[in-house]
Amino acid sequence: MARRSRRCLLLLLRCLVVALGCPKTFGLSDPKDHQVITAIEYQEVILTCKFPRKTPASRLEWKKLGPSVSFVYYGQDLRGDFKDRAQMMDFSIRIKNVTRNDAGKYRCEVSTPTNEGQRLEENTVTLEVLVAPGVPTCNIPSSVLSGTVVELRCQDKEGNPAPMYTWFKDGTRLLGNPRLDAHVTNSSYTMNTKSGTLQFNTVSKLDSGEYYCEARNSVGSRRCRGKKMQVDDLNVSGIIAAVVVVALVISICGLGVCYAQRKGYFSKETFQKSNSASKATPVGQNDFKHSKSFII
């Protein structure tokens, strides 16, 4: 009991020392001041902290929020990779070469001593980085059969915001509505500009040509390399000839089996005669004939 009471007294003394030695702190945070700043990748952006000009007595900290909070500016010095490509402008940060990895939520915290104690102010900034599309991945078959369903696919994983897709045939842009496209004779295709698919419900020989896809957003556009798609007619005569040959082979085999059955090659009597003949001939008799011929 005496030890527990001593520990309690020590804890109370420590709390009193901290309370008397540290200035009083009060904070101010206005959620309406939340900013959303948009920047284009590899260009310049300024993360603004909405407070008065920095004073020698002010203490400033910038943090990047997320699953784990990391310091961007601390101890009057920029941290991490911001140290080489950013600079301070009073309370704000000027990033000279913003990248997609910089996107996220940031918070600036300013602590200023006053007569009432330490005044803590903070506001949050969300940085959105726009990224141009990369070269899209295009899936274009080289050879298809006429009358079948064919789908061409195009996809980009880099663009932000998500790009819209457009397909081209022989250098001519395909419209979203094929009925309005005077350059296209086959109006059976459907194009999804969001998913990047171009589907022919009934492909024809007129759809043969070189196809490529373009991915575009508000930042820029890229296209994949063109690829030739050849539409071939179904070889009906070849299929009929193959069917006839197979039918003839099956017919010949069937006639052979019927002929053998008529001659009695597959009857029970034939099998019994062959078995009895083999049993009637003694094994030693053949050996005797061979030995006799050898003696002569």
Protein backbone atom coordinates (compact mmCIF):
# COMPACT_ATOMS: atom_id res chain seq x y z
CA MET A 1 0.00 0.00 0.00
CA ALA A 2 2.87 2.36 0.89
CA ARG A 3 4.55 1.74 -2.47
CA ARG A 4 1.31 2.41 -4.37
CA SER A 5 0.71 5.64 -2.50
CA ARG A 6 4.27 6.81 -3.28
CA ARG A 7 3.77 6.09 -6.98
CA CYS A 8 0.51 8.07 -7.00
CA LEU A 9 2.21 11.01 -5.32
CA LEU A 10 5.05 10.96 -7.87
CA LEU A 11 2.58 10.94 -10.78
CA LEU A 12 0.67 13.86 -9.26
CA LEU A 13 3.90 15.83 -8.82
CA ARG A 14 4.88 15.23 -12.44
CA CYS A 15 1.51 16.42 -13.67
CA LEU A 16 1.80 19.57 -11.60
CA VAL A 17 5.29 20.27 -12.95
CA VAL A 18 4.12 19.85 -16.55
CA ALA A 19 1.03 21.99 -15.94
CA LEU A 20 3.04 24.80 -14.36
CA GLY A 21 5.98 24.66 -16.78
CA CYS A 22 4.08 24.51 -20.09
CA PRO A 23 2.09 27.42 -21.52
CA LYS A 24 -1.61 27.05 -22.12
CA THR A 25 -2.53 25.85 -25.60
CA PHE A 26 -5.74 26.49 -27.50
CA GLY A 27 -6.49 25.61 -31.09
CA LEU A 28 -8.41 26.92 -34.06
CA SER A 29 -9.45 24.77 -37.00
CA ASP A 30 -12.08 25.80 -39.55
CA PRO A 31 -13.27 22.90 -41.76
CA LYS A 32 -14.75 25.43 -44.22
CA ASP A 33 -11.21 26.53 -45.09
CA HIS A 34 -10.49 23.14 -46.63
CA GLN A 35 -8.86 23.73 -50.00
CA VAL A 36 -8.71 21.55 -53.10
CA ILE A 37 -5.80 22.41 -55.38
CA THR A 38 -5.47 20.90 -58.86
CA ALA A 39 -2.13 20.61 -60.63
CA ILE A 40 -0.82 19.00 -63.81
CA GLU A 41 1.95 16.47 -63.43
CA TYR A 42 5.51 17.80 -63.90
CA GLN A 43 4.34 21.40 -63.53
CA GLU A 44 4.46 23.81 -60.59
CA VAL A 45 1.97 24.08 -57.73
CA ILE A 46 1.72 26.03 -54.46
CA LEU A 47 0.21 24.54 -51.30
CA THR A 48 -1.21 27.60 -49.55
CA CYS A 49 -1.50 27.89 -45.78
CA LYS A 50 -4.14 30.57 -45.05
CA PHE A 51 -2.52 32.38 -42.14
CA PRO A 52 -0.78 35.78 -41.66
CA ARG A 53 2.86 36.24 -42.55
CA LYS A 54 5.34 34.16 -40.68
CA THR A 55 6.93 35.74 -37.59
CA PRO A 56 10.13 34.72 -35.81
CA ALA A 57 8.07 33.45 -32.90
CA SER A 58 5.80 31.29 -35.07
CA ARG A 59 6.40 27.58 -35.43
CA LEU A 60 5.24 25.98 -38.67
CA GLU A 61 4.76 22.32 -39.54
CA TRP A 62 3.45 20.68 -42.74
CA LYS A 63 2.27 17.08 -42.69
CA LYS A 64 1.00 14.70 -45.34
CA LEU A 65 -1.96 12.75 -44.01
CA GLY A 66 -2.81 9.15 -44.77
CA PRO A 67 -2.47 5.69 -43.18
CA SER A 68 0.79 7.00 -41.72
CA VAL A 69 1.41 10.72 -41.16
CA SER A 70 4.71 12.00 -42.57
CA PHE A 71 6.42 15.36 -42.10
CA VAL A 72 6.86 17.59 -45.14
CA TYR A 73 8.19 20.64 -43.29
CA TYR A 74 9.48 20.37 -39.73
CA GLY A 75 12.15 22.14 -37.69
CA GLN A 76 12.45 24.94 -40.28
CA ASP A 77 13.48 22.47 -42.95
CA LEU A 78 11.80 20.61 -45.83
CA ARG A 79 11.82 16.83 -45.49
CA GLY A 80 11.94 13.84 -47.86
CA ASP A 81 12.09 14.39 -51.62
CA PHE A 82 10.50 17.84 -51.16
CA LYS A 83 13.89 19.02 -49.94
CA ASP A 84 15.31 18.96 -53.50
CA ARG A 85 12.31 20.19 -55.51
CA ALA A 86 10.35 22.56 -53.23
CA GLN A 87 10.84 25.83 -51.39
CA MET A 88 9.04 27.71 -48.62
CA MET A 89 7.09 30.92 -49.27
CA ASP A 90 6.22 32.16 -45.76
CA PHE A 91 3.75 29.48 -44.63
CA SER A 92 3.16 28.05 -48.13
CA ILE A 93 5.10 25.38 -50.05
CA ARG A 94 6.03 25.81 -53.71
CA ILE A 95 6.56 22.46 -55.44
CA LYS A 96 8.52 22.94 -58.65
CA ASN A 97 7.97 19.54 -60.24
CA VAL A 98 4.82 17.90 -58.92
CA THR A 99 4.30 14.18 -59.51
CA ARG A 100 1.34 11.82 -59.21
CA ASN A 101 2.82 10.48 -55.98
CA ASP A 102 2.38 13.93 -54.40
CA ALA A 103 -1.41 13.68 -54.63
CA GLY A 104 -3.11 13.47 -51.24
CA LYS A 105 -4.24 15.46 -48.21
CA TYR A 106 -1.89 17.89 -46.45
CA ARG A 107 -2.23 19.87 -43.22
CA CYS A 108 -0.33 22.97 -42.13
CA GLU A 109 -0.07 23.70 -38.40
CA VAL A 110 0.99 27.09 -37.04
CA SER A 111 1.77 27.59 -33.36
CA THR A 112 2.11 31.21 -32.17
CA PRO A 113 2.77 32.40 -28.57
CA THR A 114 0.24 34.87 -27.15
CA ASN A 115 -0.57 36.34 -23.76
CA GLU A 116 -3.14 33.60 -23.28
CA GLY A 117 -0.71 30.85 -24.24
CA GLN A 118 0.18 28.98 -27.43
CA ARG A 119 -2.30 29.59 -30.26
CA LEU A 120 -2.52 26.57 -32.58
CA GLU A 121 -4.08 27.06 -36.01
CA GLU A 122 -4.36 24.56 -38.83
CA ASN A 123 -6.04 24.05 -42.17
CA THR A 124 -6.13 21.19 -44.68
CA VAL A 125 -5.24 21.16 -48.37
CA THR A 126 -6.09 18.37 -50.81
CA LEU A 127 -3.79 18.13 -53.81
CA GLU A 128 -5.16 16.51 -56.96
CA VAL A 129 -2.62 15.75 -59.70
CA LEU A 130 -3.88 15.45 -63.27
CA VAL A 131 -1.98 12.92 -65.39
CA ALA A 132 -2.00 12.56 -69.16
CA PRO A 133 -2.81 9.08 -70.55
CA GLY A 134 -0.01 6.72 -71.42
CA VAL A 135 0.14 4.66 -74.61
CA PRO A 136 -3.02 2.52 -74.35
CA THR A 137 -2.93 -1.25 -74.64
CA CYS A 138 -4.91 -2.34 -77.71
CA ASN A 139 -6.17 -5.86 -78.38
CA ILE A 140 -6.90 -6.17 -82.11
CA PRO A 141 -7.29 -9.62 -83.74
CA SER A 142 -5.30 -10.11 -86.93
CA SER A 143 -7.78 -12.51 -88.59
CA VAL A 144 -11.50 -13.15 -88.02
CA LEU A 145 -14.31 -14.96 -89.82
CA SER A 146 -17.11 -13.10 -91.56
CA GLY A 147 -20.46 -13.17 -89.76
CA THR A 148 -19.01 -13.65 -86.28
CA VAL A 149 -18.98 -11.35 -83.23
CA VAL A 150 -15.63 -9.54 -82.87
CA GLU A 151 -14.53 -7.22 -80.03
CA LEU A 152 -11.56 -4.86 -80.07
CA ARG A 153 -10.34 -3.61 -76.66
CA CYS A 154 -8.37 -0.53 -75.58
CA GLN A 155 -7.24 0.37 -72.05
CA ASP A 156 -5.06 2.94 -70.27
CA LYS A 157 -4.12 2.74 -66.56
CA GLU A 158 -2.23 6.02 -66.10
CA GLY A 159 -4.58 8.84 -67.05
CA ASN A 160 -6.24 10.97 -64.36
CA PRO A 161 -9.05 11.79 -64.85
CA ALA A 162 -9.99 8.56 -66.59
CA PRO A 163 -9.63 9.04 -70.37
CA MET A 164 -12.26 8.66 -73.06
CA TYR A 165 -11.51 6.29 -75.93
CA THR A 166 -11.93 6.73 -79.68
CA TRP A 167 -11.32 4.15 -82.42
CA PHE A 168 -9.94 4.83 -85.89
CA LYS A 169 -10.10 2.72 -89.05
CA ASP A 170 -7.58 3.42 -91.82
CA GLY A 171 -6.93 6.83 -90.25
CA THR A 172 -10.63 7.80 -90.11
CA ARG A 173 -12.34 8.33 -86.76
CA LEU A 174 -15.29 6.06 -86.05
CA LEU A 175 -18.31 7.84 -84.61
CA GLY A 176 -20.12 6.66 -81.52
CA ASN A 177 -23.28 6.19 -83.59
CA PRO A 178 -22.43 4.14 -86.72
CA ARG A 179 -25.64 5.22 -88.48
CA LEU A 180 -24.35 8.77 -88.59
CA ASP A 181 -20.97 7.74 -90.01
CA ALA A 182 -20.94 8.13 -93.79
CA HIS A 183 -17.50 6.49 -94.08
CA VAL A 184 -18.65 3.17 -92.61
CA THR A 185 -20.74 0.67 -94.55
CA ASN A 186 -21.24 -1.73 -91.64
CA SER A 187 -23.54 -0.17 -89.04
CA SER A 188 -23.56 -3.18 -86.73
CA TYR A 189 -20.70 -2.02 -84.50
CA THR A 190 -21.05 -0.46 -81.05
CA MET A 191 -18.33 1.65 -79.41
CA ASN A 192 -18.05 2.28 -75.67
CA THR A 193 -16.01 5.45 -75.16
CA LYS A 194 -15.64 4.81 -71.41
CA SER A 195 -14.50 1.17 -71.44
CA GLY A 196 -12.66 1.39 -74.77
CA THR A 197 -14.38 -1.53 -76.51
CA LEU A 198 -15.34 -1.66 -80.20
CA GLN A 199 -17.66 -4.58 -80.95
CA PHE A 200 -18.91 -5.82 -84.31
CA ASN A 201 -22.10 -7.81 -83.85
CA THR A 202 -21.80 -9.21 -87.39
CA VAL A 203 -18.40 -8.53 -88.88
CA SER A 204 -18.09 -8.44 -92.69
CA LYS A 205 -15.27 -8.28 -95.24
CA LEU A 206 -15.86 -4.53 -95.54
CA ASP A 207 -14.59 -4.20 -91.94
CA SER A 208 -11.09 -5.28 -92.96
CA GLY A 209 -8.56 -2.53 -92.36
CA GLU A 210 -6.03 -1.00 -89.97
CA TYR A 211 -7.38 -0.08 -86.54
CA TYR A 212 -5.94 1.92 -83.66
CA CYS A 213 -7.30 3.54 -80.49
CA GLU A 214 -6.77 6.97 -78.91
CA ALA A 215 -7.05 7.68 -75.17
CA ARG A 216 -7.76 11.35 -74.28
CA ASN A 217 -8.44 13.39 -71.15
CA SER A 218 -8.18 17.07 -70.17
CA VAL A 219 -4.38 16.85 -69.94
CA GLY A 220 -3.43 15.13 -73.19
CA SER A 221 -3.89 12.17 -75.51
CA ARG A 222 -1.95 9.09 -76.67
CA ARG A 223 -2.72 6.40 -79.22
CA CYS A 224 -1.66 2.81 -79.73
CA ARG A 225 0.07 1.47 -82.80
CA GLY A 226 -2.21 0.54 -85.72
CA LYS A 227 -2.82 -3.12 -86.52
CA LYS A 228 -4.35 -4.78 -89.58
CA MET A 229 -7.52 -6.84 -89.08
CA GLN A 230 -8.38 -9.20 -91.94
CA VAL A 231 -11.95 -10.53 -92.29
CA ASP A 232 -12.16 -13.82 -94.23
CA ASP A 233 -15.26 -15.50 -95.63
CA LEU A 234 -16.23 -18.85 -94.20
CA ASN A 235 -14.97 -21.61 -96.57
CA VAL A 236 -18.28 -23.44 -96.99
CA SER A 237 -17.11 -25.56 -99.95
CA GLY A 238 -14.09 -26.78 -98.01
CA ILE A 239 -16.23 -27.73 -95.04
CA ILE A 240 -18.68 -29.63 -97.29
CA ALA A 241 -15.81 -31.49 -98.98
CA ALA A 242 -14.38 -32.50 -95.62
CA VAL A 243 -17.78 -33.74 -94.46
CA VAL A 244 -18.19 -35.80 -97.64
CA VAL A 245 -14.76 -37.40 -97.23
CA VAL A 246 -15.48 -38.34 -93.61
CA ALA A 247 -18.87 -39.78 -94.65
CA LEU A 248 -17.23 -41.88 -97.38
CA VAL A 249 -14.64 -43.26 -94.97
CA ILE A 250 -17.34 -44.19 -92.47
CA SER A 251 -19.42 -45.83 -95.24
CA ILE A 252 -16.47 -47.90 -96.51
CA CYS A 253 -15.68 -49.08 -93.00
CA GLY A 254 -19.33 -50.02 -92.47
CA LEU A 255 -19.47 -51.99 -95.75
CA GLY A 256 -16.31 -53.86 -94.80
CA VAL A 257 -17.78 -54.87 -91.46
CA CYS A 258 -21.02 -56.04 -93.14
CA TYR A 259 -19.08 -58.11 -95.70
CA ALA A 260 -17.03 -59.77 -92.96
CA GLN A 261 -20.16 -60.63 -91.03
CA ARG A 262 -21.78 -62.22 -94.12
CA LYS A 263 -18.71 -64.37 -94.73
CA GLY A 264 -18.94 -65.52 -91.16
CA TYR A 265 -15.63 -64.13 -89.97
CA PHE A 266 -17.26 -62.81 -86.80
CA SER A 267 -19.59 -65.86 -86.16
CA LYS A 268 -19.30 -68.10 -83.10
CA GLU A 269 -18.79 -71.26 -85.22
CA THR A 270 -15.72 -69.78 -86.87
CA PHE A 271 -14.20 -68.96 -83.51
CA GLN A 272 -15.02 -72.47 -82.17
CA LYS A 273 -13.46 -74.22 -85.23
CA SER A 274 -10.30 -72.21 -84.94
CA ASN A 275 -10.06 -73.00 -81.23
CA SER A 276 -10.70 -76.77 -81.71
CA ALA A 277 -8.15 -76.95 -84.52
CA SER A 278 -5.51 -75.47 -82.35
CA LYS A 279 -6.34 -77.89 -79.53
CA ALA A 280 -6.37 -80.99 -81.82
CA THR A 281 -2.77 -80.59 -82.92
CA PRO A 282 -0.42 -81.95 -80.19
CA VAL A 283 2.47 -79.84 -79.25
CA GLY A 284 4.98 -82.73 -79.39
CA GLN A 285 3.86 -83.79 -82.93
CA ASN A 286 5.24 -80.68 -84.49
CA ASP A 287 8.48 -81.23 -82.61
CA PHE A 288 8.67 -84.84 -83.94
CA LYS A 289 8.20 -83.68 -87.55
CA HIS A 290 10.97 -81.16 -87.21
CA SER A 291 13.31 -83.77 -85.64
CA LYS A 292 12.48 -86.31 -88.41
CA SER A 293 13.27 -83.89 -91.17
CA PHE A 294 16.53 -83.11 -89.42
CA ILE A 295 17.53 -86.85 -89.31
CA ILE A 296 16.80 -87.37 -93.04
